[in-house]
PDB file of N, CA and C in Angstrom:
ATOM      1  N   UNK A   1      63.753 153.990  97.453  1.00  0.00           N
ATOM      2  CA  UNK A   1      64.520 153.906  98.755  1.00  0.00           C
ATOM      3  C   UNK A   1      66.179 154.699  98.923  1.00  0.00           C
ATOM      4  N   UNK A   2      66.891 154.232  97.263  1.00  0.00           N
ATOM      5  CA  UNK A   2      67.548 154.630  97.241  1.00  0.00           C
ATOM      6  C   UNK A   2      68.460 156.065  97.218  1.00  0.00           C
ATOM      7  N   UNK A   3      67.062 156.746  96.623  1.00  0.00           N
ATOM      8  CA  UNK A   3      67.011 158.806  96.781  1.00  0.00           C
ATOM      9  C   UNK A   3      67.505 158.611  97.903  1.00  0.00           C
ATOM     10  N   UNK A   4      66.736 158.145  99.514  1.00  0.00           N
ATOM     11  CA  UNK A   4      66.292 158.749 100.341  1.00  0.00           C
ATOM     12  C   UNK A   4      68.401 158.495 101.304  1.00  0.00           C
ATOM     13  N   UNK A   5      68.808 157.462 100.618  1.00  0.00           N
ATOM     14  CA  UNK A   5      70.540 156.909 101.448  1.00  0.00           C
ATOM     15  C   UNK A   5      71.165 158.172 100.617  1.00  0.00           C
ATOM     16  N   UNK A   6      70.985 158.674  99.395  1.00  0.00           N
ATOM     17  CA  UNK A   6      71.628 159.219  98.631  1.00  0.00           C
ATOM     18  C   UNK A   6      71.841 160.489  99.273  1.00  0.00           C
ATOM     19  N   UNK A   7      70.561 161.243  99.418  1.00  0.00           N
ATOM     20  CA  UNK A   7      70.609 162.271 100.220  1.00  0.00           C
ATOM     21  C   UNK A   7      71.013 162.888 101.568  1.00  0.00           C
ATOM     22  N   UNK A   8      70.773 161.398 102.129  1.00  0.00           N
ATOM     23  CA  UNK A   8      71.846 161.271 103.833  1.00  0.00           C
ATOM     24  C   UNK A   8      72.880 161.226 103.436  1.00  0.00           C
ATOM     25  N   UNK A   9      73.941 160.750 102.334  1.00  0.00           N
ATOM     26  CA  UNK A   9      75.258 160.638 102.360  1.00  0.00           C
ATOM     27  C   UNK A   9      75.218 162.416 101.752  1.00  0.00           C
ATOM     28  N   UNK A  10      74.692 162.517 101.246  1.00  0.00           N
ATOM     29  CA  UNK A  10      75.419 163.899 100.746  1.00  0.00           C
ATOM     30  C   UNK A  10      75.158 165.267 101.676  1.00  0.00           C
ATOM     31  N   UNK A  11      74.133 164.686 103.085  1.00  0.00           N
ATOM     32  CA  UNK A  11      73.666 165.672 103.550  1.00  0.00           C
ATOM     33  C   UNK A  11      75.343 165.260 105.004  1.00  0.00           C
ATOM     34  N   UNK A  12      75.506 164.064 104.671  1.00  0.00           N
ATOM     35  CA  UNK A  12      76.787 163.485 106.119  1.00  0.00           C
ATOM     36  C   UNK A  12      77.909 164.070 105.360  1.00  0.00           C
ATOM     37  N   UNK A  13      78.296 164.121 104.339  1.00  0.00           N
ATOM     38  CA  UNK A  13      79.688 164.097 103.420  1.00  0.00           C
ATOM     39  C   UNK A  13      79.935 165.677 103.033  1.00  0.00           C
ATOM     40  N   UNK A  14      79.219 166.540 103.543  1.00  0.00           N
ATOM     41  CA  UNK A  14      78.807 168.203 102.713  1.00  0.00           C
ATOM     42  C   UNK A  14      79.944 168.882 104.033  1.00  0.00           C
ATOM     43  N   UNK A  15      81.055 169.686 103.725  1.00  0.00           N
ATOM     44  CA  UNK A  15      81.835 169.939 104.396  1.00  0.00           C
ATOM     45  C   UNK A  15      80.929 171.083 105.281  1.00  0.00           C
ATOM     46  N   UNK A  16      81.180 171.370 106.712  1.00  0.00           N
ATOM     47  CA  UNK A  16      81.399 172.743 106.983  1.00  0.00           C
ATOM     48  C   UNK A  16      82.654 173.543 107.566  1.00  0.00           C
ATOM     49  N   UNK A  17      82.004 174.379 108.211  1.00  0.00           N
ATOM     50  CA  UNK A  17      83.313 175.301 108.394  1.00  0.00           C
ATOM     51  C   UNK A  17      84.127 174.560 109.562  1.00  0.00           C
ATOM     52  N   UNK A  18      83.992 173.802 110.161  1.00  0.00           N
ATOM     53  CA  UNK A  18      84.868 173.058 111.094  1.00  0.00           C
ATOM     54  C   UNK A  18      86.025 171.689 110.811  1.00  0.00           C
ATOM     55  N   UNK A  19      84.846 171.084 109.212  1.00  0.00           N
ATOM     56  CA  UNK A  19      85.485 170.173 108.404  1.00  0.00           C
ATOM     57  C   UNK A  19      86.281 170.607 107.566  1.00  0.00           C
ATOM     58  N   UNK A  20      86.169 171.510 106.800  1.00  0.00           N
ATOM     59  CA  UNK A  20      86.358 172.310 105.183  1.00  0.00           C
ATOM     60  C   UNK A  20      87.927 171.921 105.594  1.00  0.00           C
ATOM     61  N   UNK A  21      88.838 171.565 104.411  1.00  0.00           N
ATOM     62  CA  UNK A  21      89.947 171.149 104.450  1.00  0.00           C
ATOM     63  C   UNK A  21      90.835 172.552 104.250  1.00  0.00           C
ATOM     64  N   UNK A  22      92.422 172.524 105.201  1.00  0.00           N
ATOM     65  CA  UNK A  22      92.744 174.178 104.654  1.00  0.00           C
ATOM     66  C   UNK A  22      93.267 174.573 103.393  1.00  0.00           C
ATOM     67  N   UNK A  23      93.066 175.310 102.563  1.00  0.00           N
ATOM     68  CA  UNK A  23      93.333 176.300 101.178  1.00  0.00           C
ATOM     69  C   UNK A  23      94.391 175.389 100.569  1.00  0.00           C
ATOM     70  N   UNK A  24      95.464 175.229 101.243  1.00  0.00           N
ATOM     71  CA  UNK A  24      96.671 174.314 100.636  1.00  0.00           C
ATOM     72  C   UNK A  24      96.209 173.252  99.964  1.00  0.00           C
ATOM     73  N   UNK A  25      95.930 172.023 100.980  1.00  0.00           N
ATOM     74  CA  UNK A  25      94.996 170.510 101.048  1.00  0.00           C
ATOM     75  C   UNK A  25      93.974 170.715 100.417  1.00  0.00           C
ATOM     76  N   UNK A  26      93.491 171.649 100.210  1.00  0.00           N
ATOM     77  CA  UNK A  26      92.097 171.553  98.977  1.00  0.00           C
ATOM     78  C   UNK A  26      92.838 172.214  97.547  1.00  0.00           C
ATOM     79  N   UNK A  27      93.326 172.968  97.625  1.00  0.00           N
ATOM     80  CA  UNK A  27      94.465 172.753  96.439  1.00  0.00           C
ATOM     81  C   UNK A  27      94.735 171.617  95.613  1.00  0.00           C
ATOM     82  N   UNK A  28      95.763 171.145  96.724  1.00  0.00           N
ATOM     83  CA  UNK A  28      96.729 169.789  96.125  1.00  0.00           C
ATOM     84  C   UNK A  28      95.535 169.073  95.831  1.00  0.00           C
ATOM     85  N   UNK A  29      93.938 168.690  96.675  1.00  0.00           N
ATOM     86  CA  UNK A  29      93.065 167.301  96.312  1.00  0.00           C
ATOM     87  C   UNK A  29      92.208 168.114  94.880  1.00  0.00           C
ATOM     88  N   UNK A  30      92.741 169.475  94.349  1.00  0.00           N
ATOM     89  CA  UNK A  30      92.004 170.139  93.487  1.00  0.00           C
ATOM     90  C   UNK A  30      92.955 169.671  92.346  1.00  0.00           C
ATOM     91  N   UNK A  31      94.358 169.784  92.431  1.00  0.00           N
ATOM     92  CA  UNK A  31      95.354 169.291  91.496  1.00  0.00           C
ATOM     93  C   UNK A  31      95.381 167.934  91.093  1.00  0.00           C
ATOM     94  N   UNK A  32      95.458 167.081  92.133  1.00  0.00           N
ATOM     95  CA  UNK A  32      95.486 165.254  91.882  1.00  0.00           C
ATOM     96  C   UNK A  32      94.302 165.242  90.989  1.00  0.00           C
ATOM     97  N   UNK A  33      92.845 165.883  91.373  1.00  0.00           N
ATOM     98  CA  UNK A  33      91.777 165.335  90.729  1.00  0.00           C
ATOM     99  C   UNK A  33      91.652 166.141  89.396  1.00  0.00           C
ATOM    100  N   UNK A  34      91.942 166.651  89.104  1.00  0.00           N
ATOM    101  CA  UNK A  34      92.363 167.438  87.435  1.00  0.00           C
ATOM    102  C   UNK A  34      93.538 166.629  86.800  1.00  0.00           C
ATOM    103  N   UNK A  35      94.905 165.904  87.536  1.00  0.00           N
ATOM    104  CA  UNK A  35      95.175 165.073  86.852  1.00  0.00           C
ATOM    105  C   UNK A  35      94.150 163.999  86.942  1.00  0.00           C
ATOM    106  N   UNK A  36      94.078 163.215  87.520  1.00  0.00           N
ATOM    107  CA  UNK A  36      93.023 161.911  87.165  1.00  0.00           C
ATOM    108  C   UNK A  36      92.463 162.564  86.139  1.00  0.00           C
ATOM    109  N   UNK A  37      91.801 163.521  85.774  1.00  0.00           N
ATOM    110  CA  UNK A  37      90.629 163.709  84.918  1.00  0.00           C
ATOM    111  C   UNK A  37      91.396 163.505  83.497  1.00  0.00           C
ATOM    112  N   UNK A  38      92.371 164.003  83.729  1.00  0.00           N
ATOM    113  CA  UNK A  38      93.407 164.552  82.169  1.00  0.00           C
ATOM    114  C   UNK A  38      93.516 162.979  82.109  1.00  0.00           C
ATOM    115  N   UNK A  39      94.094 162.256  83.014  1.00  0.00           N
ATOM    116  CA  UNK A  39      94.863 160.580  82.687  1.00  0.00           C
ATOM    117  C   UNK A  39      93.053 159.755  81.951  1.00  0.00           C
ATOM    118  N   UNK A  40      92.234 160.190  82.423  1.00  0.00           N
ATOM    119  CA  UNK A  40      91.453 159.199  82.435  1.00  0.00           C
ATOM    120  C   UNK A  40      90.782 159.745  80.923  1.00  0.00           C
ATOM    121  N   UNK A  41      90.737 160.866  80.177  1.00  0.00           N
ATOM    122  CA  UNK A  41      90.125 161.652  78.582  1.00  0.00           C
ATOM    123  C   UNK A  41      91.436 160.865  78.152  1.00  0.00           C
ATOM    124  N   UNK A  42      92.785 161.101  78.206  1.00  0.00           N
ATOM    125  CA  UNK A  42      93.946 160.455  77.592  1.00  0.00           C
ATOM    126  C   UNK A  42      93.361 158.830  77.197  1.00  0.00           C
ATOM    127  N   UNK A  43      92.940 158.332  78.225  1.00  0.00           N
ATOM    128  CA  UNK A  43      93.294 156.428  78.602  1.00  0.00           C
ATOM    129  C   UNK A  43      91.801 156.565  77.452  1.00  0.00           C
ATOM    130  N   UNK A  44      90.710 157.232  77.800  1.00  0.00           N
ATOM    131  CA  UNK A  44      89.710 156.594  76.510  1.00  0.00           C
ATOM    132  C   UNK A  44      89.679 157.259  75.537  1.00  0.00           C
ATOM    133  N   UNK A  45      90.670 157.695  74.926  1.00  0.00           N
ATOM    134  CA  UNK A  45      90.456 158.631  73.219  1.00  0.00           C
ATOM    135  C   UNK A  45      90.613 157.711  72.631  1.00  0.00           C
ATOM    136  N   UNK A  46      89.953 157.713  71.569  1.00  0.00           N
ATOM    137  CA  UNK A  46      90.277 156.449  70.462  1.00  0.00           C
ATOM    138  C   UNK A  46      91.604 156.602  70.013  1.00  0.00           C
ATOM    139  N   UNK A  47      92.705 155.685  69.478  1.00  0.00           N
ATOM    140  CA  UNK A  47      93.687 155.162  68.812  1.00  0.00           C
ATOM    141  C   UNK A  47      94.110 156.285  67.947  1.00  0.00           C
ATOM    142  N   UNK A  48      94.901 156.932  66.823  1.00  0.00           N
ATOM    143  CA  UNK A  48      94.826 157.465  66.437  1.00  0.00           C
ATOM    144  C   UNK A  48      94.998 157.065  64.741  1.00  0.00           C
ATOM    145  N   UNK A  49      94.944 155.985  65.038  1.00  0.00           N
ATOM    146  CA  UNK A  49      94.834 155.078  63.433  1.00  0.00           C
ATOM    147  C   UNK A  49      93.177 155.283  63.146  1.00  0.00           C
ATOM    148  N   UNK A  50      92.768 155.481  64.159  1.00  0.00           N
ATOM    149  CA  UNK A  50      91.011 155.044  63.849  1.00  0.00           C
ATOM    150  C   UNK A  50      90.527 156.741  63.367  1.00  0.00           C
TER     151      UNK A  50
END
């Protein structure tokens, strides 16, 4: 049942030609995502004394 919901959500949230963000917005979203990923990596690393 959950698999059906996941598939329908992915279909509904997929970009089409009309809903795709413009390139500048997409670059901004990619930058935000990479910053968030870097912050998460730094947050999850072990302390230097271990």
